[in-house]
Amino acid sequence: MDKITNGWINGFVGVLIFSGSLPATRAAVADFDPIFLTSARATIAAALALALLLAFREKRPTKADLGPLFITAMGVVVGFPLLTALALRHITSAHSIVFVGLLPLATAIFGVLRAGERMRPLFWLFSCLGSLLVAGFALTQNLSASLTGDLLMFAAIVVCGLGYAEGAQLSRRLGGWQVICWALVLSLPVMLPLTLYILPENWSGIGEPAWIGLFYVSLFSMLIGFIFWYRGLAQGGIAAVGQLQLLQPFFGLVLAATLLHEPVGWPMIIVTMAVILCVAGAKRFAK
């Protein structure tokens, strides 16, 4: 199996894991403060990341790596989790599909700006078409809207795309799981004191769904998913593999149908097939 194929497989696994992030965040912010959720998930993941780095005796990043690691941490450890947690106080996780559909395009743009990737014109055609399909489908679902929530989600997509591109570029030197681990450890001196400072005063009012959401975003969204995702972006190309994120909203809908027995209509199936074709087209014309 060649490197590019491995990249797409790793990216696919990462997207599967990330597909549960926004619903889990929505469940968690029902009982947890968004700032506490952001700092707590980063602190828990950073403790595990530090244990991994020590266990495998990984070399420390060089001074030249610290700047990109800081950008990565601000994008995916702090920025995206905090902004989405704040946004999901105003909008539903379903409404966030509109913005998730723009994430592949944002990742591709930063892949060009930060990593120097060069894509063919037809790649951009398929990328934009796929984003429009996902966003358009979401907008037809009669979802509740909030200007504040929408602006927060848009900002989250921008910083996340930057964090993805920066981290993927670093992965080529440091390794996929090492990048997210070092980014988490870099954020620990700020996140740990913040978590302790804003601990909830009353734990009895926190329901089981919120605890499950905190567990998921701390372990899977903040650490395990990135191990596969950054490796996939580094191996298969940031802009190209990033198009797999177009499938993320539909993975969430499939999970809802199988686990929660929510109905899945023909429009969703048709749009999903069209998005898959866009992903295939983007892969075909990536370089």
Protein backbone atom coordinates (compact mmCIF):
# COMPACT_ATOMS: atom_id res chain seq x y z
CA MET A 1 0.00 0.00 0.00
CA ASP A 2 1.51 3.34 -1.05
CA LYS A 3 1.93 6.43 1.13
CA ILE A 4 -0.94 8.39 -0.42
CA THR A 5 -3.41 5.52 0.05
CA ASN A 6 -2.30 5.20 3.66
CA GLY A 7 -2.91 8.92 4.04
CA TRP A 8 -6.50 8.64 2.81
CA ILE A 9 -7.17 5.66 5.11
CA ASN A 10 -5.77 7.46 8.15
CA GLY A 11 -7.69 10.60 7.23
CA PHE A 12 -10.90 8.60 6.87
CA VAL A 13 -10.49 7.12 10.37
CA GLY A 14 -9.82 10.60 11.75
CA VAL A 15 -12.98 11.99 10.17
CA LEU A 16 -15.03 9.10 11.59
CA ILE A 17 -13.79 9.98 15.06
CA PHE A 18 -14.35 13.72 14.61
CA SER A 19 -17.92 13.14 13.42
CA GLY A 20 -19.02 12.74 17.02
CA SER A 21 -17.28 15.88 18.28
CA LEU A 22 -19.99 18.50 17.81
CA PRO A 23 -22.86 16.35 19.18
CA ALA A 24 -20.64 15.44 22.16
CA THR A 25 -19.78 19.11 22.71
CA ARG A 26 -23.45 20.02 22.51
CA ALA A 27 -24.22 17.44 25.21
CA ALA A 28 -21.38 18.66 27.41
CA VAL A 29 -22.19 22.39 27.30
CA ALA A 30 -25.71 21.63 28.49
CA ASP A 31 -24.23 21.31 32.01
CA PHE A 32 -20.61 22.50 31.75
CA ASP A 33 -19.42 26.07 31.21
CA PRO A 34 -17.90 26.37 27.69
CA ILE A 35 -14.62 27.77 29.02
CA PHE A 36 -14.35 24.98 31.59
CA LEU A 37 -15.12 22.39 28.91
CA THR A 38 -12.38 23.80 26.66
CA SER A 39 -9.74 23.86 29.38
CA ALA A 40 -10.78 20.54 30.94
CA ARG A 41 -10.72 18.59 27.68
CA ALA A 42 -7.30 20.05 26.84
CA THR A 43 -5.96 19.29 30.32
CA ILE A 44 -7.15 15.67 30.30
CA ALA A 45 -5.80 15.08 26.80
CA ALA A 46 -2.51 16.83 27.66
CA ALA A 47 -1.96 14.56 30.67
CA LEU A 48 -2.36 11.51 28.42
CA ALA A 49 -0.18 13.11 25.73
CA LEU A 50 2.60 13.81 28.23
CA ALA A 51 2.49 10.19 29.40
CA LEU A 52 2.83 9.01 25.79
CA LEU A 53 5.77 11.31 25.06
CA LEU A 54 7.59 10.19 28.21
CA ALA A 55 6.83 6.51 27.62
CA PHE A 56 8.27 6.59 24.10
CA ARG A 57 11.07 9.02 25.07
CA GLU A 58 10.30 11.37 22.20
CA LYS A 59 12.78 14.11 21.40
CA ARG A 60 11.77 17.63 22.24
CA PRO A 61 10.78 19.94 19.38
CA THR A 62 13.40 22.38 18.18
CA LYS A 63 13.08 26.14 18.64
CA ALA A 64 11.99 26.38 15.01
CA ASP A 65 9.08 24.03 15.76
CA LEU A 66 7.73 26.07 18.67
CA GLY A 67 6.09 28.75 16.53
CA PRO A 68 4.14 26.27 14.35
CA LEU A 69 3.27 24.23 17.45
CA PHE A 70 1.87 27.36 19.09
CA ILE A 71 -0.27 28.08 16.01
CA THR A 72 -1.45 24.47 16.00
CA ALA A 73 -2.35 24.62 19.69
CA MET A 74 -4.20 27.92 19.29
CA GLY A 75 -6.16 26.49 16.38
CA VAL A 76 -7.16 22.97 17.45
CA VAL A 77 -6.54 22.84 21.21
CA VAL A 78 -7.91 26.25 22.21
CA GLY A 79 -9.59 28.08 19.32
CA PHE A 80 -11.87 25.51 17.71
CA PRO A 81 -13.02 23.80 20.96
CA LEU A 82 -13.75 27.12 22.70
CA LEU A 83 -15.47 28.81 19.77
CA THR A 84 -17.64 25.77 18.99
CA ALA A 85 -18.55 25.32 22.66
CA LEU A 86 -19.64 28.97 22.81
CA ALA A 87 -21.47 28.68 19.48
CA LEU A 88 -23.37 25.57 20.56
CA ARG A 89 -24.90 27.58 23.37
CA HIS A 90 -26.76 29.50 20.62
CA ILE A 91 -27.26 26.94 17.82
CA THR A 92 -27.89 23.23 17.52
CA SER A 93 -25.23 20.72 16.53
CA ALA A 94 -27.27 20.08 13.37
CA HIS A 95 -27.02 23.75 12.39
CA SER A 96 -23.23 23.53 12.70
CA ILE A 97 -23.27 21.25 9.62
CA VAL A 98 -23.49 24.42 7.54
CA PHE A 99 -20.05 25.43 8.75
CA VAL A 100 -18.46 21.97 8.86
CA GLY A 101 -19.14 21.90 5.14
CA LEU A 102 -16.74 24.85 4.77
CA LEU A 103 -13.92 23.25 6.78
CA PRO A 104 -12.40 21.24 3.88
CA LEU A 105 -12.17 24.40 1.79
CA ALA A 106 -10.57 26.31 4.68
CA THR A 107 -8.07 23.49 5.21
CA ALA A 108 -7.20 23.46 1.51
CA ILE A 109 -6.69 27.23 1.42
CA PHE A 110 -4.34 27.13 4.41
CA GLY A 111 -2.60 24.11 2.89
CA VAL A 112 -1.69 26.38 -0.01
CA LEU A 113 -0.82 29.41 2.13
CA ARG A 114 1.12 27.64 4.91
CA ALA A 115 2.43 24.45 3.30
CA GLY A 116 2.96 25.69 -0.26
CA GLU A 117 0.74 23.04 -1.86
CA ARG A 118 -0.37 23.65 -5.41
CA MET A 119 -3.68 22.22 -6.62
CA ARG A 120 -5.18 21.94 -10.09
CA PRO A 121 -8.19 24.14 -11.03
CA LEU A 122 -10.55 21.13 -11.16
CA PHE A 123 -9.64 20.31 -7.56
CA TRP A 124 -10.96 23.70 -6.44
CA LEU A 125 -14.11 23.14 -8.50
CA PHE A 126 -14.89 19.85 -6.73
CA SER A 127 -13.91 21.28 -3.34
CA CYS A 128 -16.23 24.29 -3.68
CA LEU A 129 -19.05 22.15 -5.09
CA GLY A 130 -18.79 19.70 -2.21
CA SER A 131 -18.84 22.51 0.35
CA LEU A 132 -21.90 24.06 -1.30
CA LEU A 133 -23.71 20.70 -1.32
CA VAL A 134 -23.15 20.14 2.39
CA ALA A 135 -24.03 23.69 3.39
CA GLY A 136 -27.02 23.77 1.04
CA PHE A 137 -28.38 20.50 2.41
CA ALA A 138 -28.04 21.78 5.97
CA LEU A 139 -29.84 25.02 5.12
CA THR A 140 -32.85 23.08 3.76
CA GLN A 141 -33.42 21.33 7.10
CA ASN A 142 -35.26 24.24 8.78
CA LEU A 143 -32.49 24.67 11.34
CA SER A 144 -32.62 27.39 13.99
CA ALA A 145 -30.24 30.28 13.36
CA SER A 146 -28.39 32.74 15.56
CA LEU A 147 -26.10 35.51 14.33
CA THR A 148 -23.86 35.14 17.38
CA GLY A 149 -23.66 31.37 16.97
CA ASP A 150 -23.02 31.66 13.24
CA LEU A 151 -20.18 34.16 13.69
CA LEU A 152 -18.57 32.00 16.38
CA MET A 153 -18.79 28.90 14.15
CA PHE A 154 -17.31 30.77 11.19
CA ALA A 155 -14.37 31.90 13.34
CA ALA A 156 -14.00 28.31 14.59
CA ILE A 157 -13.74 27.00 11.02
CA VAL A 158 -11.04 29.54 10.12
CA VAL A 159 -8.80 28.80 13.12
CA CYS A 160 -9.39 25.05 12.74
CA GLY A 161 -8.36 25.07 9.08
CA LEU A 162 -5.19 26.92 10.04
CA GLY A 163 -4.48 24.48 12.88
CA TYR A 164 -5.01 21.49 10.60
CA ALA A 165 -2.65 22.83 7.93
CA GLU A 166 0.04 23.91 10.39
CA GLY A 167 -0.08 20.65 12.32
CA ALA A 168 -0.01 18.55 9.17
CA GLN A 169 3.07 20.38 7.93
CA LEU A 170 4.79 19.74 11.27
CA SER A 171 3.77 16.06 11.13
CA ARG A 172 6.12 15.55 8.23
CA ARG A 173 9.03 16.35 10.59
CA LEU A 174 7.79 15.30 14.02
CA GLY A 175 5.24 12.58 13.27
CA GLY A 176 1.45 12.70 13.44
CA TRP A 177 0.76 11.73 17.04
CA GLN A 178 3.79 13.63 18.29
CA VAL A 179 2.48 16.93 16.90
CA ILE A 180 -0.86 16.85 18.69
CA CYS A 181 0.84 15.59 21.86
CA TRP A 182 3.38 18.43 21.89
CA ALA A 183 0.65 20.97 21.07
CA LEU A 184 -1.38 19.71 24.03
CA VAL A 185 1.62 19.77 26.36
CA LEU A 186 2.44 23.31 25.21
CA SER A 187 -1.04 24.40 26.26
CA LEU A 188 -0.96 22.61 29.64
CA PRO A 189 0.64 25.44 31.72
CA VAL A 190 -2.33 27.64 30.82
CA MET A 191 -5.12 25.08 30.64
CA LEU A 192 -4.46 23.28 33.93
CA PRO A 193 -4.60 26.42 36.16
CA LEU A 194 -7.64 27.65 34.21
CA THR A 195 -9.42 24.33 34.77
CA LEU A 196 -8.72 24.42 38.50
CA TYR A 197 -9.81 28.06 38.74
CA ILE A 198 -13.21 27.54 37.13
CA LEU A 199 -14.12 24.12 38.53
CA PRO A 200 -17.90 23.79 38.88
CA GLU A 201 -19.10 24.59 42.38
CA ASN A 202 -21.88 22.02 42.24
CA TRP A 203 -21.16 18.67 40.56
CA SER A 204 -24.52 17.11 41.44
CA GLY A 205 -26.35 18.98 38.71
CA ILE A 206 -24.19 17.58 35.91
CA GLY A 207 -25.99 14.85 34.01
CA GLU A 208 -24.63 11.66 32.47
CA PRO A 209 -24.81 12.95 28.85
CA ALA A 210 -22.54 15.87 29.80
CA TRP A 211 -19.98 13.52 31.38
CA ILE A 212 -20.05 11.27 28.32
CA GLY A 213 -19.59 14.32 26.10
CA LEU A 214 -16.61 15.49 28.16
CA PHE A 215 -15.06 12.02 27.99
CA TYR A 216 -15.50 11.82 24.22
CA VAL A 217 -14.11 15.24 23.36
CA SER A 218 -11.18 14.81 25.77
CA LEU A 219 -10.05 11.39 24.61
CA PHE A 220 -11.24 10.99 21.04
CA SER A 221 -11.76 14.51 19.63
CA MET A 222 -8.71 16.04 21.32
CA LEU A 223 -6.16 13.22 21.00
CA ILE A 224 -6.98 9.93 19.25
CA GLY A 225 -8.68 11.51 16.24
CA PHE A 226 -5.72 13.80 15.63
CA ILE A 227 -3.26 10.89 15.67
CA PHE A 228 -4.94 9.53 12.54
CA TRP A 229 -5.87 12.91 11.05
CA TYR A 230 -2.45 14.56 11.09
CA ARG A 231 -0.80 11.39 9.81
CA GLY A 232 -3.32 11.27 6.97
CA LEU A 233 -2.84 14.92 6.02
CA ALA A 234 0.95 14.55 6.07
CA GLN A 235 0.93 11.40 3.96
CA GLY A 236 -1.80 12.19 1.42
CA GLY A 237 -1.61 15.99 1.20
CA ILE A 238 -3.31 18.63 3.33
CA ALA A 239 -5.70 20.00 0.71
CA ALA A 240 -6.55 16.61 -0.84
CA VAL A 241 -7.15 14.50 2.28
CA GLY A 242 -8.86 17.47 3.91
CA GLN A 243 -11.77 16.96 1.50
CA LEU A 244 -12.75 13.87 3.49
CA GLN A 245 -14.24 16.29 6.02
CA LEU A 246 -17.11 16.78 3.59
CA LEU A 247 -18.33 13.36 4.72
CA GLN A 248 -18.22 14.20 8.43
CA PRO A 249 -21.76 15.61 8.74
CA PHE A 250 -23.22 12.57 7.03
CA PHE A 251 -21.33 10.17 9.29
CA GLY A 252 -23.02 11.94 12.15
CA LEU A 253 -26.43 11.49 10.51
CA VAL A 254 -25.74 7.79 9.92
CA LEU A 255 -24.82 7.38 13.59
CA ALA A 256 -28.03 9.14 14.55
CA ALA A 257 -30.02 6.78 12.35
CA THR A 258 -28.40 3.59 13.64
CA LEU A 259 -28.03 4.48 17.32
CA LEU A 260 -30.94 6.87 17.86
CA HIS A 261 -33.24 5.44 15.15
CA GLU A 262 -33.72 8.84 13.55
CA PRO A 263 -35.17 8.76 10.02
CA VAL A 264 -32.89 9.05 6.99
CA GLY A 265 -34.60 10.37 3.88
CA TRP A 266 -33.77 10.03 0.21
CA PRO A 267 -32.53 13.64 -0.09
CA MET A 268 -29.77 12.90 2.42
CA ILE A 269 -28.78 9.74 0.57
CA ILE A 270 -28.68 11.56 -2.78
CA VAL A 271 -26.63 14.46 -1.39
CA THR A 272 -24.28 12.01 0.33
CA MET A 273 -23.63 10.23 -2.96
CA ALA A 274 -22.98 13.57 -4.68
CA VAL A 275 -20.55 14.59 -1.93
CA ILE A 276 -18.71 11.26 -2.27
CA LEU A 277 -18.31 12.00 -5.99
CA CYS A 278 -16.91 15.45 -5.13
CA VAL A 279 -14.40 13.89 -2.74
CA ALA A 280 -13.39 11.38 -5.42
CA GLY A 281 -13.05 14.20 -7.96
CA ALA A 282 -10.94 16.27 -5.57
CA LYS A 283 -8.69 13.25 -4.96
CA ARG A 284 -8.37 12.65 -8.71
CA PHE A 285 -7.32 16.23 -9.49
CA ALA A 286 -5.41 17.01 -6.31
CA LYS A 287 -2.07 17.37 -8.10
